[in-house]
Amino acid sequence: MVYRLDIDPIAAEQIRALPAKALVALSEAFDVLQLVPERGQPIDPANPTGGVFQLVYGEGRGLVTYLLLADQERVDVLLVTWVTFEET
């Protein structure tokens, strides 16, 4: 089964601001979400079936927060973050 990704407008804005390196890593994370969205960790460990998950990507520099709607075969991407380190 392949899940459909639905990108929230706020997440789309965050994606547009990502550097090129992050976009490559995010593309790989989206591949995972389309095939095995359960691979992410529940945002609330006390409620593992609550439907909201987080997936770390890009060697630990990025985080995708998403809602898994398995009955609709859909993943709603809510937030996308990326940590940028400044060199000194």
C-alpha atoms as a PDB file:
ATOM      1  CA  MET A   1       0.000   0.000   0.000  1.00  0.00           C
ATOM      2  CA  VAL A   2       1.234   3.509  -0.815  1.00  0.00           C
ATOM      3  CA  TYR A   3       0.017   6.339   1.392  1.00  0.00           C
ATOM      4  CA  ARG A   4      -0.870   9.692  -0.145  1.00  0.00           C
ATOM      5  CA  LEU A   5       0.997  12.662   1.331  1.00  0.00           C
ATOM      6  CA  ASP A   6      -1.005  15.792   2.053  1.00  0.00           C
ATOM      7  CA  ILE A   7       1.273  18.747   2.854  1.00  0.00           C
ATOM      8  CA  ASP A   8      -0.199  21.371   5.191  1.00  0.00           C
ATOM      9  CA  PRO A   9       0.298  24.975   3.966  1.00  0.00           C
ATOM     10  CA  ILE A  10       2.503  25.757   6.978  1.00  0.00           C
ATOM     11  CA  ALA A  11       4.667  22.700   6.243  1.00  0.00           C
ATOM     12  CA  ALA A  12       4.858  23.733   2.572  1.00  0.00           C
ATOM     13  CA  GLU A  13       6.175  27.134   3.656  1.00  0.00           C
ATOM     14  CA  GLN A  14       8.762  25.453   5.882  1.00  0.00           C
ATOM     15  CA  ILE A  15       9.822  23.167   3.014  1.00  0.00           C
ATOM     16  CA  ARG A  16      10.347  26.133   0.674  1.00  0.00           C
ATOM     17  CA  ALA A  17      12.784  27.606   3.227  1.00  0.00           C
ATOM     18  CA  LEU A  18      14.939  24.456   3.497  1.00  0.00           C
ATOM     19  CA  PRO A  19      18.479  24.333   2.104  1.00  0.00           C
ATOM     20  CA  ALA A  20      19.180  21.960  -0.811  1.00  0.00           C
ATOM     21  CA  LYS A  21      20.826  19.336   1.428  1.00  0.00           C
ATOM     22  CA  ALA A  22      17.697  19.187   3.567  1.00  0.00           C
ATOM     23  CA  LEU A  23      15.446  18.782   0.526  1.00  0.00           C
ATOM     24  CA  VAL A  24      17.302  15.652  -0.559  1.00  0.00           C
ATOM     25  CA  ALA A  25      16.975  14.160   2.922  1.00  0.00           C
ATOM     26  CA  LEU A  26      13.325  15.204   3.159  1.00  0.00           C
ATOM     27  CA  SER A  27      12.590  13.496  -0.144  1.00  0.00           C
ATOM     28  CA  GLU A  28      13.944  10.268   1.336  1.00  0.00           C
ATOM     29  CA  ALA A  29      11.820  10.778   4.463  1.00  0.00           C
ATOM     30  CA  PHE A  30       8.732  11.285   2.296  1.00  0.00           C
ATOM     31  CA  ASP A  31       9.487   7.976   0.556  1.00  0.00           C
ATOM     32  CA  VAL A  32       9.433   6.299   3.976  1.00  0.00           C
ATOM     33  CA  LEU A  33       6.170   8.014   4.937  1.00  0.00           C
ATOM     34  CA  GLN A  34       4.505   6.836   1.743  1.00  0.00           C
ATOM     35  CA  LEU A  35       5.476   3.209   2.341  1.00  0.00           C
ATOM     36  CA  VAL A  36       5.794   2.686   6.126  1.00  0.00           C
ATOM     37  CA  PRO A  37       4.506   5.732   8.034  1.00  0.00           C
ATOM     38  CA  GLU A  38       4.369   3.646  11.198  1.00  0.00           C
ATOM     39  CA  ARG A  39       8.178   3.884  11.298  1.00  0.00           C
ATOM     40  CA  GLY A  40       7.907   7.275  13.014  1.00  0.00           C
ATOM     41  CA  GLN A  41       7.598   7.634  16.771  1.00  0.00           C
ATOM     42  CA  PRO A  42       4.301   8.648  18.428  1.00  0.00           C
ATOM     43  CA  ILE A  43       4.453  12.252  19.564  1.00  0.00           C
ATOM     44  CA  ASP A  44       2.912  11.112  22.855  1.00  0.00           C
ATOM     45  CA  PRO A  45       4.399   7.807  24.032  1.00  0.00           C
ATOM     46  CA  ALA A  46       1.491   7.471  26.487  1.00  0.00           C
ATOM     47  CA  ASN A  47      -0.884   7.434  23.496  1.00  0.00           C
ATOM     48  CA  PRO A  48       0.897   5.418  20.778  1.00  0.00           C
ATOM     49  CA  THR A  49      -2.271   5.033  18.715  1.00  0.00           C
ATOM     50  CA  GLY A  50      -3.153   8.735  18.818  1.00  0.00           C
ATOM     51  CA  GLY A  51      -2.200   9.170  15.179  1.00  0.00           C
ATOM     52  CA  VAL A  52       0.366  11.981  15.468  1.00  0.00           C
ATOM     53  CA  PHE A  53       3.945  10.887  14.793  1.00  0.00           C
ATOM     54  CA  GLN A  54       7.409  12.323  14.279  1.00  0.00           C
ATOM     55  CA  LEU A  55      10.063  11.022  11.912  1.00  0.00           C
ATOM     56  CA  VAL A  56      13.693  12.049  12.255  1.00  0.00           C
ATOM     57  CA  TYR A  57      15.486  12.506   8.927  1.00  0.00           C
ATOM     58  CA  GLY A  58      18.726  13.871   7.499  1.00  0.00           C
ATOM     59  CA  GLU A  59      21.140  12.254   9.959  1.00  0.00           C
ATOM     60  CA  GLY A  60      19.158  13.619  12.893  1.00  0.00           C
ATOM     61  CA  ARG A  61      19.037  17.213  11.667  1.00  0.00           C
ATOM     62  CA  GLY A  62      15.409  17.199  10.566  1.00  0.00           C
ATOM     63  CA  LEU A  63      12.028  16.305  12.006  1.00  0.00           C
ATOM     64  CA  VAL A  64       8.710  15.729  10.239  1.00  0.00           C
ATOM     65  CA  THR A  65       5.563  15.855  12.358  1.00  0.00           C
ATOM     66  CA  TYR A  66       2.580  14.170  10.733  1.00  0.00           C
ATOM     67  CA  LEU A  67      -0.881  12.750  11.234  1.00  0.00           C
ATOM     68  CA  LEU A  68      -1.366   9.169  10.065  1.00  0.00           C
ATOM     69  CA  LEU A  69      -4.844   8.469   8.711  1.00  0.00           C
ATOM     70  CA  ALA A  70      -4.413   4.772   7.937  1.00  0.00           C
ATOM     71  CA  ASP A  71      -8.093   4.190   7.142  1.00  0.00           C
ATOM     72  CA  GLN A  72      -7.800   6.831   4.396  1.00  0.00           C
ATOM     73  CA  GLU A  73      -4.315   5.694   3.320  1.00  0.00           C
ATOM     74  CA  ARG A  74      -3.149   9.253   3.915  1.00  0.00           C
ATOM     75  CA  VAL A  75      -0.339  11.027   5.772  1.00  0.00           C
ATOM     76  CA  ASP A  76      -0.889  14.691   6.601  1.00  0.00           C
ATOM     77  CA  VAL A  77       2.489  16.424   6.946  1.00  0.00           C
ATOM     78  CA  LEU A  78       1.995  19.109   9.594  1.00  0.00           C
ATOM     79  CA  LEU A  79       5.468  20.500  10.373  1.00  0.00           C
ATOM     80  CA  VAL A  80       8.931  20.192   8.852  1.00  0.00           C
ATOM     81  CA  THR A  81      11.998  21.369  10.738  1.00  0.00           C
ATOM     82  CA  TRP A  82      15.720  21.394   9.986  1.00  0.00           C
ATOM     83  CA  VAL A  83      18.618  22.395  12.224  1.00  0.00           C
ATOM     84  CA  THR A  84      21.301  24.490  10.551  1.00  0.00           C
ATOM     85  CA  PHE A  85      24.664  24.726  12.254  1.00  0.00           C
ATOM     86  CA  GLU A  86      26.625  27.900  11.771  1.00  0.00           C
ATOM     87  CA  GLU A  87      30.335  27.425  11.322  1.00  0.00           C
ATOM     88  CA  THR A  88      32.610  29.524  13.487  1.00  0.00           C
END
